[in-house]
């Protein structure tokens, strides 16, 4: 086990600046308590301020997102010519300034959280309204005035922005490969939207990891990642099908993995993480890079023992 674990490395890093839109594969990403910098910092909402996600608007999967290459360097700050760039089929390019917006949108909600957010203005609103065919706005998390705690029973004191539940989600290539061996049509990793993809471990090893170190940073594995319908949506077409969730239900349901626990009809794929280290004080090196070694510091012996 020690030999196998010593070979685990970060193989890919993904940032999803706009929740439910396409991700960006990067070679490194600065780490913050609320997730990688820029991750799920923007949200598309309806006229009531409620979040749009691929669960209800699968067309969001077709929106390509770009940030300046230097945005993923530690310590970089945007200037007046720095933009979030969005592209979608049949639409003109939308450029959203990375400067802090002055407008506030009240009554924004995602899952259990509600609060205010920064409104990206009329041009972004018209672009998303035209694309989705219904009134929409683009908002940015307002870290200066808002906090969004994660579930305190799993990670007391930790926070996230507009991610579903937790700041980070990790998946192993071994798990994806094992699933794809059972599928008639293999699915790419973008179906599962992890932040960190690792390679070099046995399938589903990440189920058991309760504390890991990536380079010098410690992360806590707090809860197996339960999956919604998004993995069934082809990220290249926005069209949903039955897989891979039908197969996941056979091999990754709570009935299979956690037969002695409370049955909730869920399926699990990946591990939710929080960063355990204090990231304040201007210390350098709070970055995860492709190629970083992953050291497993603490683990449970079976998925039945893991939090979920």
Protein backbone atom coordinates (compact mmCIF):
# COMPACT_ATOMS: atom_id res chain seq x y z
CA UNK A 1 0.00 0.00 0.00
CA UNK A 2 2.75 2.47 0.92
CA UNK A 3 4.50 1.91 -2.39
CA UNK A 4 1.28 2.36 -4.35
CA UNK A 5 0.30 5.49 -2.47
CA UNK A 6 3.74 7.05 -2.93
CA UNK A 7 3.15 7.11 -6.69
CA UNK A 8 -0.09 9.09 -6.63
CA UNK A 9 0.22 12.40 -8.46
CA UNK A 10 -2.03 15.25 -9.54
CA UNK A 11 -2.68 14.61 -13.25
CA UNK A 12 -5.14 17.44 -14.01
CA UNK A 13 -6.57 20.56 -12.38
CA UNK A 14 -9.92 22.02 -13.42
CA UNK A 15 -11.44 25.40 -12.62
CA UNK A 16 -15.11 26.20 -13.32
CA UNK A 17 -15.36 30.00 -13.07
CA UNK A 18 -19.08 30.12 -13.94
CA UNK A 19 -21.10 27.48 -12.14
CA UNK A 20 -22.41 24.83 -14.57
CA UNK A 21 -20.51 26.24 -17.57
CA UNK A 22 -17.44 24.59 -19.05
CA UNK A 23 -14.28 24.22 -17.03
CA UNK A 24 -10.72 25.28 -17.73
CA UNK A 25 -7.84 22.80 -17.50
CA UNK A 26 -4.83 24.52 -15.92
CA UNK A 27 -1.30 23.51 -14.96
CA UNK A 28 -1.53 25.14 -11.54
CA UNK A 29 -4.07 26.89 -9.34
CA UNK A 30 -3.77 29.08 -6.23
CA UNK A 31 -5.47 27.57 -3.20
CA UNK A 32 -7.91 29.51 -1.04
CA UNK A 33 -10.18 28.41 1.84
CA UNK A 34 -13.22 28.68 -0.46
CA UNK A 35 -11.66 26.69 -3.30
CA UNK A 36 -9.20 27.27 -6.11
CA UNK A 37 -9.06 30.90 -7.13
CA UNK A 38 -11.81 31.76 -9.64
CA UNK A 39 -13.63 28.45 -9.12
CA UNK A 40 -17.43 28.85 -9.11
CA UNK A 41 -17.05 32.55 -8.45
CA UNK A 42 -19.83 33.41 -10.94
CA UNK A 43 -23.40 32.21 -11.06
CA UNK A 44 -26.23 32.54 -13.59
CA UNK A 45 -29.55 33.31 -11.89
CA UNK A 46 -33.16 33.77 -12.95
CA UNK A 47 -35.30 36.85 -12.38
CA UNK A 48 -35.93 35.72 -8.79
CA UNK A 49 -32.20 35.33 -8.10
CA UNK A 50 -32.36 31.53 -8.05
CA UNK A 51 -29.37 29.67 -9.49
CA UNK A 52 -29.53 28.16 -12.96
CA UNK A 53 -27.53 24.94 -13.26
CA UNK A 54 -27.23 22.19 -15.84
CA UNK A 55 -29.84 20.26 -13.88
CA UNK A 56 -32.49 22.63 -15.26
CA UNK A 57 -30.58 24.37 -18.08
CA UNK A 58 -28.29 21.81 -19.76
CA UNK A 59 -27.42 24.40 -22.47
CA UNK A 60 -25.04 25.90 -19.89
CA UNK A 61 -22.72 22.98 -20.70
CA UNK A 62 -22.02 24.53 -24.10
CA UNK A 63 -20.71 27.85 -22.75
CA UNK A 64 -16.93 28.04 -23.11
CA UNK A 65 -15.16 30.06 -20.43
CA UNK A 66 -11.76 31.76 -20.67
CA UNK A 67 -9.64 33.72 -18.23
CA UNK A 68 -6.22 35.31 -18.80
CA UNK A 69 -3.45 32.69 -18.60
CA UNK A 70 -1.76 34.69 -15.85
CA UNK A 71 -4.94 34.55 -13.72
CA UNK A 72 -3.73 31.24 -12.33
CA UNK A 73 -0.39 32.58 -11.13
CA UNK A 74 -0.06 33.13 -7.41
CA UNK A 75 -0.50 36.76 -6.44
CA UNK A 76 -1.80 37.95 -9.83
CA UNK A 77 -4.37 40.73 -9.73
CA UNK A 78 -6.54 41.84 -12.66
CA UNK A 79 -6.24 45.24 -14.31
CA UNK A 80 -8.75 47.24 -16.37
CA UNK A 81 -8.01 45.17 -19.47
CA UNK A 82 -8.55 41.78 -17.77
CA UNK A 83 -11.70 39.89 -18.74
CA UNK A 84 -13.74 36.78 -18.22
CA UNK A 85 -14.60 35.73 -21.78
CA UNK A 86 -17.67 33.64 -22.61
CA UNK A 87 -18.52 31.95 -25.92
CA UNK A 88 -21.62 29.94 -26.86
CA UNK A 89 -23.17 28.56 -30.05
CA UNK A 90 -24.96 31.26 -32.03
CA UNK A 91 -23.86 34.03 -29.67
CA UNK A 92 -21.42 36.91 -29.93
CA UNK A 93 -18.47 36.78 -27.53
CA UNK A 94 -19.23 38.23 -24.09
CA UNK A 95 -16.39 39.97 -22.25
CA UNK A 96 -16.94 40.59 -18.55
CA UNK A 97 -14.47 42.89 -16.81
CA UNK A 98 -12.66 41.31 -13.86
CA UNK A 99 -12.82 44.66 -12.08
CA UNK A 100 -15.21 44.55 -9.14
CA UNK A 101 -18.77 45.45 -10.25
CA UNK A 102 -20.53 48.31 -8.49
CA UNK A 103 -24.07 46.93 -8.69
CA UNK A 104 -25.47 44.61 -6.02
CA UNK A 105 -28.01 41.86 -6.67
CA UNK A 106 -30.04 40.99 -3.58
CA UNK A 107 -31.87 37.75 -2.90
CA UNK A 108 -29.44 35.47 -4.75
CA UNK A 109 -29.84 31.83 -3.74
CA UNK A 110 -28.09 28.55 -4.41
CA UNK A 111 -29.18 25.42 -2.56
CA UNK A 112 -29.68 26.37 1.09
CA UNK A 113 -27.81 29.69 0.93
CA UNK A 114 -29.19 33.11 0.11
CA UNK A 115 -27.57 36.52 0.21
CA UNK A 116 -26.37 39.35 -1.99
CA UNK A 117 -23.91 39.14 -4.87
CA UNK A 118 -22.18 41.49 -7.30
CA UNK A 119 -24.23 42.05 -10.46
CA UNK A 120 -22.23 41.93 -13.70
CA UNK A 121 -24.61 44.33 -15.41
CA UNK A 122 -26.95 44.72 -18.36
CA UNK A 123 -24.75 43.36 -21.16
CA UNK A 124 -24.16 40.07 -19.34
CA UNK A 125 -27.84 39.90 -18.40
CA UNK A 126 -28.93 40.33 -22.04
CA UNK A 127 -26.39 37.78 -23.27
CA UNK A 128 -27.56 35.05 -20.88
CA UNK A 129 -31.24 35.99 -21.33
CA UNK A 130 -30.89 35.69 -25.11
CA UNK A 131 -28.97 32.41 -24.88
CA UNK A 132 -31.30 30.71 -22.40
CA UNK A 133 -34.45 32.32 -23.74
CA UNK A 134 -35.56 33.57 -20.32
CA UNK A 135 -34.67 36.46 -18.01
CA UNK A 136 -31.22 35.87 -16.52
CA UNK A 137 -28.41 37.68 -14.77
CA UNK A 138 -24.75 36.93 -14.16
CA UNK A 139 -23.59 37.54 -10.60
CA UNK A 140 -20.24 37.25 -8.81
CA UNK A 141 -19.75 36.04 -5.26
CA UNK A 142 -19.22 39.00 -2.96
CA UNK A 143 -16.51 37.74 -0.63
CA UNK A 144 -16.27 41.16 1.02
CA UNK A 145 -19.75 40.91 2.53
CA UNK A 146 -20.92 37.30 2.27
CA UNK A 147 -19.92 33.88 3.56
CA UNK A 148 -21.37 30.52 2.63
CA UNK A 149 -20.58 27.84 5.22
CA UNK A 150 -20.37 24.19 4.25
CA UNK A 151 -22.30 21.59 6.25
CA UNK A 152 -21.01 22.10 9.81
CA UNK A 153 -21.47 18.46 10.80
CA UNK A 154 -18.85 17.50 8.22
CA UNK A 155 -16.41 20.44 8.11
CA UNK A 156 -17.17 23.00 10.80
CA UNK A 157 -15.84 26.47 10.04
CA UNK A 158 -15.15 25.92 6.34
CA UNK A 159 -16.72 27.93 3.55
CA UNK A 160 -17.26 27.83 -0.19
CA UNK A 161 -18.52 30.15 -2.94
CA UNK A 162 -21.04 28.88 -5.51
CA UNK A 163 -19.96 25.23 -5.64
CA UNK A 164 -22.69 22.74 -4.80
CA UNK A 165 -21.42 21.74 -1.37
CA UNK A 166 -17.66 21.93 -0.74
CA UNK A 167 -14.64 23.94 -1.95
CA UNK A 168 -12.82 21.05 -3.65
CA UNK A 169 -13.69 17.74 -5.27
CA UNK A 170 -11.11 15.06 -6.05
CA UNK A 171 -11.44 12.07 -8.36
CA UNK A 172 -8.96 9.41 -9.42
CA UNK A 173 -8.24 8.33 -12.97
CA UNK A 174 -8.42 4.75 -11.70
CA UNK A 175 -12.04 5.24 -10.67
CA UNK A 176 -12.94 6.77 -14.04
CA UNK A 177 -11.18 3.95 -15.90
CA UNK A 178 -12.97 1.30 -13.81
CA UNK A 179 -16.33 2.88 -14.56
CA UNK A 180 -15.59 3.19 -18.26
CA UNK A 181 -14.74 -0.51 -18.46
CA UNK A 182 -18.38 -1.18 -17.57
CA UNK A 183 -19.92 1.32 -20.00
CA UNK A 184 -20.73 0.64 -23.64
CA UNK A 185 -19.68 4.21 -24.42
CA UNK A 186 -16.91 5.57 -22.17
CA UNK A 187 -17.46 9.01 -20.67
CA UNK A 188 -14.81 11.74 -20.24
CA UNK A 189 -13.88 13.26 -16.93
CA UNK A 190 -15.84 16.43 -17.69
CA UNK A 191 -19.06 14.58 -16.84
CA UNK A 192 -18.00 14.66 -13.18
CA UNK A 193 -16.52 18.17 -12.90
CA UNK A 194 -13.72 17.46 -10.40
CA UNK A 195 -11.22 20.11 -9.38
CA UNK A 196 -8.38 17.66 -8.87
CA UNK A 197 -7.79 14.49 -10.90
CA UNK A 198 -5.12 12.14 -9.56
CA UNK A 199 -3.42 9.15 -11.10
CA UNK A 200 -1.44 6.22 -9.75
CA UNK A 201 -3.89 4.68 -7.27
CA UNK A 202 -6.33 1.80 -7.33
CA UNK A 203 -9.92 2.51 -8.40
CA UNK A 204 -11.99 4.20 -5.70
CA UNK A 205 -9.03 4.58 -3.35
CA UNK A 206 -10.11 8.18 -2.78
CA UNK A 207 -13.21 6.90 -0.96
CA UNK A 208 -10.97 6.05 1.96
CA UNK A 209 -8.81 9.16 2.20
CA UNK A 210 -9.62 11.33 5.20
CA UNK A 211 -6.42 13.41 5.12
CA UNK A 212 -3.98 13.96 2.28
CA UNK A 213 -1.09 16.27 1.55
CA UNK A 214 -0.61 17.70 -1.94
CA UNK A 215 2.89 19.16 -2.04
CA UNK A 216 2.90 21.05 1.28
CA UNK A 217 -0.85 21.64 1.67
CA UNK A 218 -3.10 19.41 3.76
CA UNK A 219 -6.63 18.59 2.68
CA UNK A 220 -9.33 16.80 4.62
CA UNK A 221 -11.54 14.27 2.86
CA UNK A 222 -14.83 15.21 4.43
CA UNK A 223 -17.57 13.38 2.52
CA UNK A 224 -18.06 11.11 -0.46
CA UNK A 225 -19.43 13.10 -3.40
CA UNK A 226 -23.04 12.17 -4.12
CA UNK A 227 -23.97 12.63 -7.75
CA UNK A 228 -27.00 14.33 -9.33
CA UNK A 229 -28.13 14.11 -12.97
CA UNK A 230 -25.29 16.26 -14.34
CA UNK A 231 -23.03 13.26 -15.13
CA UNK A 232 -25.73 12.08 -17.57
CA UNK A 233 -25.40 15.29 -19.63
CA UNK A 234 -23.04 15.09 -22.59
CA UNK A 235 -20.87 18.18 -22.10
CA UNK A 236 -20.22 18.50 -25.83
CA UNK A 237 -23.92 18.53 -26.82
CA UNK A 238 -25.92 19.41 -23.70
CA UNK A 239 -28.07 16.29 -24.26
CA UNK A 240 -28.79 13.94 -21.36
CA UNK A 241 -28.96 10.14 -21.45
CA UNK A 242 -29.27 7.40 -18.83
CA UNK A 243 -25.56 6.70 -18.37
CA UNK A 244 -23.32 6.69 -16.46
CA UNK A 245 -25.80 6.94 -13.57
CA UNK A 246 -27.55 3.64 -14.36
CA UNK A 247 -24.23 1.82 -14.04
CA UNK A 248 -23.14 3.88 -11.04
CA UNK A 249 -26.33 2.83 -9.25
CA UNK A 250 -25.28 -0.81 -9.67
CA UNK A 251 -21.77 -0.36 -8.31
CA UNK A 252 -21.65 2.91 -6.36
CA UNK A 253 -24.99 3.27 -4.56
CA UNK A 254 -25.24 3.66 -0.80
CA UNK A 255 -26.85 0.20 -0.73
CA UNK A 256 -23.68 -1.26 -2.27
CA UNK A 257 -21.04 0.88 -0.56
CA UNK A 258 -22.70 1.50 2.80
CA UNK A 259 -25.06 -1.39 3.47
CA UNK A 260 -25.02 -0.82 7.23
CA UNK A 261 -25.71 2.93 6.97
CA UNK A 262 -28.83 4.96 6.37
CA UNK A 263 -30.11 4.35 2.85
CA UNK A 264 -30.76 7.57 0.91
CA UNK A 265 -30.87 6.28 -2.67
CA UNK A 266 -27.66 8.09 -3.56
CA UNK A 267 -24.73 7.27 -5.81
CA UNK A 268 -21.17 8.32 -5.04
CA UNK A 269 -18.19 9.14 -7.23
CA UNK A 270 -15.26 11.20 -5.91
CA UNK A 271 -14.34 12.76 -2.57
CA UNK A 272 -15.17 16.24 -1.30
CA UNK A 273 -12.26 18.13 0.29
CA UNK A 274 -11.51 21.18 2.38
CA UNK A 275 -8.06 22.70 2.85
CA UNK A 276 -6.89 22.26 6.44
CA UNK A 277 -4.05 24.75 6.34
CA UNK A 278 -4.32 28.39 7.29
CA UNK A 279 -3.97 30.31 4.04
CA UNK A 280 -3.71 33.79 5.52
CA UNK A 281 -0.66 35.92 6.18
CA UNK A 282 0.63 36.20 2.61
CA UNK A 283 2.66 32.99 2.71
CA UNK A 284 3.96 31.93 -0.69
CA UNK A 285 3.50 28.54 -2.27
CA UNK A 286 -0.22 28.01 -1.64
CA UNK A 287 -0.56 26.48 -5.09
CA UNK A 288 -1.43 23.02 -6.39
CA UNK A 289 0.36 22.01 -9.60
CA UNK A 290 -0.02 19.18 -12.08
CA UNK A 291 2.64 16.64 -11.16
CA UNK A 292 2.46 17.30 -7.40
CA UNK A 293 2.76 14.19 -5.26
CA UNK A 294 -0.28 13.19 -3.22
CA UNK A 295 0.56 11.72 0.18
CA UNK A 296 -2.22 9.92 2.04
CA UNK A 297 -1.84 10.74 5.73
CA UNK A 298 -5.03 9.23 7.17
CA UNK A 299 -7.57 6.81 5.78
CA UNK A 300 -10.44 4.57 6.76
CA UNK A 301 -10.54 0.89 5.90
CA UNK A 302 -13.73 0.80 3.84
CA UNK A 303 -16.27 3.05 2.14
CA UNK A 304 -18.77 1.95 4.76
CA UNK A 305 -16.70 3.91 7.30
CA UNK A 306 -16.37 7.03 5.17
CA UNK A 307 -18.61 10.02 5.74
CA UNK A 308 -21.29 10.44 3.08
